[in-house]
Amino acid sequence: QVQLVESGGGSVQAGGSLRLSCAASGYTFNNYCLGWFRQAPGKEREEVAGIDIDGNTNYASSVKGRFTFSREDAKNTLYLQMNRLIPEDTAVYYCSADSFPYDKTCEFDYWGQGTQVTVSS
């Protein structure tokens, strides 16, 4: 059974940093699409960062240069380092993974429970 568990959320002032973690069990990362998403109140869920099956990382324009998506395979853990946070980054953040390897369309089937990030001005 696949489980993704996020941690590391919290409240921070604008300009601050947080690092989110996503611990996976029953799953390995190689050859799968991986992603970090967020959903703010009243808004649709959006992908903020993703790793494709070739290991390439991409970012939403709103976070590029401020967020870094990384992985530590030995610990089966994903990370989202978030720097220079702004109030617009306030949301629930989710990690997600594809259930099919080598999936070029990156259909995200597994989801964590989410972790709240609140940025105050």
C-alpha atoms as a PDB file:
ATOM      1  CA  GLN A   1       0.000   0.000   0.000  1.00  0.00           C
ATOM      2  CA  VAL A   2       1.406   3.351  -1.045  1.00  0.00           C
ATOM      3  CA  GLN A   3       1.502   6.145   1.515  1.00  0.00           C
ATOM      4  CA  LEU A   4       2.762   9.686   1.139  1.00  0.00           C
ATOM      5  CA  VAL A   5       3.080  11.740   4.306  1.00  0.00           C
ATOM      6  CA  GLU A   6       3.927  15.446   4.198  1.00  0.00           C
ATOM      7  CA  SER A   7       5.458  17.423   7.026  1.00  0.00           C
ATOM      8  CA  GLY A   8       7.204  20.730   7.574  1.00  0.00           C
ATOM      9  CA  GLY A   9       4.372  23.167   7.059  1.00  0.00           C
ATOM     10  CA  GLY A  10       3.762  26.063   9.398  1.00  0.00           C
ATOM     11  CA  SER A  11       3.423  29.802   9.730  1.00  0.00           C
ATOM     12  CA  VAL A  12       6.148  32.156   8.603  1.00  0.00           C
ATOM     13  CA  GLN A  13       6.535  35.827   7.839  1.00  0.00           C
ATOM     14  CA  ALA A  14       6.998  37.058   4.307  1.00  0.00           C
ATOM     15  CA  GLY A  15      10.579  36.630   3.203  1.00  0.00           C
ATOM     16  CA  GLY A  16      11.059  33.550   5.324  1.00  0.00           C
ATOM     17  CA  SER A  17      11.714  29.942   4.373  1.00  0.00           C
ATOM     18  CA  LEU A  18      10.226  26.521   4.975  1.00  0.00           C
ATOM     19  CA  ARG A  19      11.193  23.046   3.861  1.00  0.00           C
ATOM     20  CA  LEU A  20       8.460  20.539   3.238  1.00  0.00           C
ATOM     21  CA  SER A  21       9.132  16.823   3.341  1.00  0.00           C
ATOM     22  CA  CYS A  22       7.171  13.953   1.834  1.00  0.00           C
ATOM     23  CA  ALA A  23       7.983  10.495   3.140  1.00  0.00           C
ATOM     24  CA  ALA A  24       6.904   7.634   0.891  1.00  0.00           C
ATOM     25  CA  SER A  25       6.249   4.049   1.845  1.00  0.00           C
ATOM     26  CA  GLY A  26       5.354   1.171  -0.440  1.00  0.00           C
ATOM     27  CA  TYR A  27       6.775   3.142  -3.345  1.00  0.00           C
ATOM     28  CA  THR A  28      10.066   3.959  -5.040  1.00  0.00           C
ATOM     29  CA  PHE A  29      10.710   7.103  -7.035  1.00  0.00           C
ATOM     30  CA  ASN A  30      12.716   5.915 -10.024  1.00  0.00           C
ATOM     31  CA  ASN A  31      10.982   6.270 -13.378  1.00  0.00           C
ATOM     32  CA  TYR A  32       7.826   7.829 -11.948  1.00  0.00           C
ATOM     33  CA  CYS A  33       6.436  11.336 -12.209  1.00  0.00           C
ATOM     34  CA  LEU A  34       6.530  13.176  -8.899  1.00  0.00           C
ATOM     35  CA  GLY A  35       5.011  16.470  -7.945  1.00  0.00           C
ATOM     36  CA  TRP A  36       4.244  19.117  -5.358  1.00  0.00           C
ATOM     37  CA  PHE A  37       0.865  20.817  -5.588  1.00  0.00           C
ATOM     38  CA  ARG A  38      -0.913  23.450  -3.559  1.00  0.00           C
ATOM     39  CA  GLN A  39      -4.462  24.615  -3.051  1.00  0.00           C
ATOM     40  CA  ALA A  40      -5.408  27.957  -1.569  1.00  0.00           C
ATOM     41  CA  PRO A  41      -8.912  28.662  -0.208  1.00  0.00           C
ATOM     42  CA  GLY A  42     -11.337  29.290  -3.030  1.00  0.00           C
ATOM     43  CA  LYS A  43      -8.786  28.396  -5.682  1.00  0.00           C
ATOM     44  CA  GLU A  44      -8.099  25.359  -7.794  1.00  0.00           C
ATOM     45  CA  ARG A  45      -5.236  23.053  -7.011  1.00  0.00           C
ATOM     46  CA  GLU A  46      -2.098  23.928  -8.955  1.00  0.00           C
ATOM     47  CA  GLU A  47       1.169  22.139  -9.559  1.00  0.00           C
ATOM     48  CA  VAL A  48       4.088  24.130  -8.220  1.00  0.00           C
ATOM     49  CA  ALA A  49       6.906  21.724  -9.060  1.00  0.00           C
ATOM     50  CA  GLY A  50       7.310  18.401 -10.790  1.00  0.00           C
ATOM     51  CA  ILE A  51       9.869  15.809 -11.756  1.00  0.00           C
ATOM     52  CA  ASP A  52       9.201  13.889 -14.972  1.00  0.00           C
ATOM     53  CA  ILE A  53      10.210  10.342 -15.858  1.00  0.00           C
ATOM     54  CA  ASP A  54      13.542  11.578 -17.219  1.00  0.00           C
ATOM     55  CA  GLY A  55      14.350  13.273 -13.934  1.00  0.00           C
ATOM     56  CA  ASN A  56      13.823  16.791 -15.265  1.00  0.00           C
ATOM     57  CA  THR A  57      12.434  19.292 -12.776  1.00  0.00           C
ATOM     58  CA  ASN A  58       9.999  22.019 -13.739  1.00  0.00           C
ATOM     59  CA  TYR A  59       8.407  24.817 -11.742  1.00  0.00           C
ATOM     60  CA  ALA A  60       5.383  27.040 -11.949  1.00  0.00           C
ATOM     61  CA  SER A  61       6.374  30.541 -12.989  1.00  0.00           C
ATOM     62  CA  SER A  62       5.066  31.898  -9.686  1.00  0.00           C
ATOM     63  CA  VAL A  63       7.649  29.931  -7.676  1.00  0.00           C
ATOM     64  CA  LYS A  64      10.553  29.587 -10.075  1.00  0.00           C
ATOM     65  CA  GLY A  65      13.753  30.828  -8.517  1.00  0.00           C
ATOM     66  CA  ARG A  66      12.295  30.613  -5.007  1.00  0.00           C
ATOM     67  CA  PHE A  67      11.320  26.928  -4.627  1.00  0.00           C
ATOM     68  CA  THR A  68      13.522  23.880  -5.108  1.00  0.00           C
ATOM     69  CA  PHE A  69      12.195  20.362  -5.548  1.00  0.00           C
ATOM     70  CA  SER A  70      14.610  17.600  -4.553  1.00  0.00           C
ATOM     71  CA  ARG A  71      14.551  13.943  -3.616  1.00  0.00           C
ATOM     72  CA  GLU A  72      16.588  11.641  -1.428  1.00  0.00           C
ATOM     73  CA  ASP A  73      16.088   8.128  -2.728  1.00  0.00           C
ATOM     74  CA  ALA A  74      17.939   6.471   0.141  1.00  0.00           C
ATOM     75  CA  LYS A  75      15.309   7.880   2.516  1.00  0.00           C
ATOM     76  CA  ASN A  76      12.416   7.612   0.064  1.00  0.00           C
ATOM     77  CA  THR A  77      11.701  11.261   0.734  1.00  0.00           C
ATOM     78  CA  LEU A  78      10.865  14.262  -1.410  1.00  0.00           C
ATOM     79  CA  TYR A  79      11.562  17.830  -0.381  1.00  0.00           C
ATOM     80  CA  LEU A  80      10.284  21.248  -1.349  1.00  0.00           C
ATOM     81  CA  GLN A  81      12.574  24.018  -0.195  1.00  0.00           C
ATOM     82  CA  MET A  82      10.633  27.277  -0.213  1.00  0.00           C
ATOM     83  CA  ASN A  83      12.538  30.549   0.081  1.00  0.00           C
ATOM     84  CA  ARG A  84      11.502  34.190  -0.054  1.00  0.00           C
ATOM     85  CA  LEU A  85       7.952  33.225   0.774  1.00  0.00           C
ATOM     86  CA  ILE A  86       5.147  35.662   0.028  1.00  0.00           C
ATOM     87  CA  PRO A  87       1.555  35.762   1.325  1.00  0.00           C
ATOM     88  CA  GLU A  88       0.338  34.403  -2.022  1.00  0.00           C
ATOM     89  CA  ASP A  89       2.150  31.158  -1.225  1.00  0.00           C
ATOM     90  CA  THR A  90      -0.345  30.470   1.563  1.00  0.00           C
ATOM     91  CA  ALA A  91      -2.032  27.159   0.796  1.00  0.00           C
ATOM     92  CA  VAL A  92      -2.247  23.505   1.678  1.00  0.00           C
ATOM     93  CA  TYR A  93       0.667  21.740   0.017  1.00  0.00           C
ATOM     94  CA  TYR A  94       0.460  18.171  -1.241  1.00  0.00           C
ATOM     95  CA  CYS A  95       3.005  15.781  -2.621  1.00  0.00           C
ATOM     96  CA  SER A  96       1.870  13.396  -5.307  1.00  0.00           C
ATOM     97  CA  ALA A  97       3.127  10.528  -7.434  1.00  0.00           C
ATOM     98  CA  ASP A  98       2.150   8.606 -10.520  1.00  0.00           C
ATOM     99  CA  SER A  99       1.146   4.955 -10.201  1.00  0.00           C
ATOM    100  CA  PHE A 100       2.502   4.019 -13.636  1.00  0.00           C
ATOM    101  CA  PRO A 101       6.207   4.054 -14.447  1.00  0.00           C
ATOM    102  CA  TYR A 102       7.475   5.735 -17.604  1.00  0.00           C
ATOM    103  CA  ASP A 103       4.221   7.651 -17.881  1.00  0.00           C
ATOM    104  CA  LYS A 104       4.887  10.626 -20.152  1.00  0.00           C
ATOM    105  CA  THR A 105       1.494  12.118 -19.362  1.00  0.00           C
ATOM    106  CA  CYS A 106       2.224  12.194 -15.608  1.00  0.00           C
ATOM    107  CA  GLU A 107      -1.122  11.199 -14.175  1.00  0.00           C
ATOM    108  CA  PHE A 108      -0.880  11.737 -10.435  1.00  0.00           C
ATOM    109  CA  ASP A 109      -2.694   8.978  -8.586  1.00  0.00           C
ATOM    110  CA  TYR A 110      -1.173   8.952  -5.112  1.00  0.00           C
ATOM    111  CA  TRP A 111      -1.606  11.897  -2.780  1.00  0.00           C
ATOM    112  CA  GLY A 112      -0.509  12.839   0.678  1.00  0.00           C
ATOM    113  CA  GLN A 113      -2.820  14.355   3.269  1.00  0.00           C
ATOM    114  CA  GLY A 114      -1.419  17.854   2.837  1.00  0.00           C
ATOM    115  CA  THR A 115       0.392  20.293   5.071  1.00  0.00           C
ATOM    116  CA  GLN A 116      -0.653  23.889   5.708  1.00  0.00           C
ATOM    117  CA  VAL A 117       1.683  26.744   4.847  1.00  0.00           C
ATOM    118  CA  THR A 118       0.699  30.220   6.001  1.00  0.00           C
ATOM    119  CA  VAL A 119       2.717  33.289   5.077  1.00  0.00           C
ATOM    120  CA  SER A 120       1.915  36.561   6.812  1.00  0.00           C
ATOM    121  CA  SER A 121       2.834  39.990   5.545  1.00  0.00           C
END
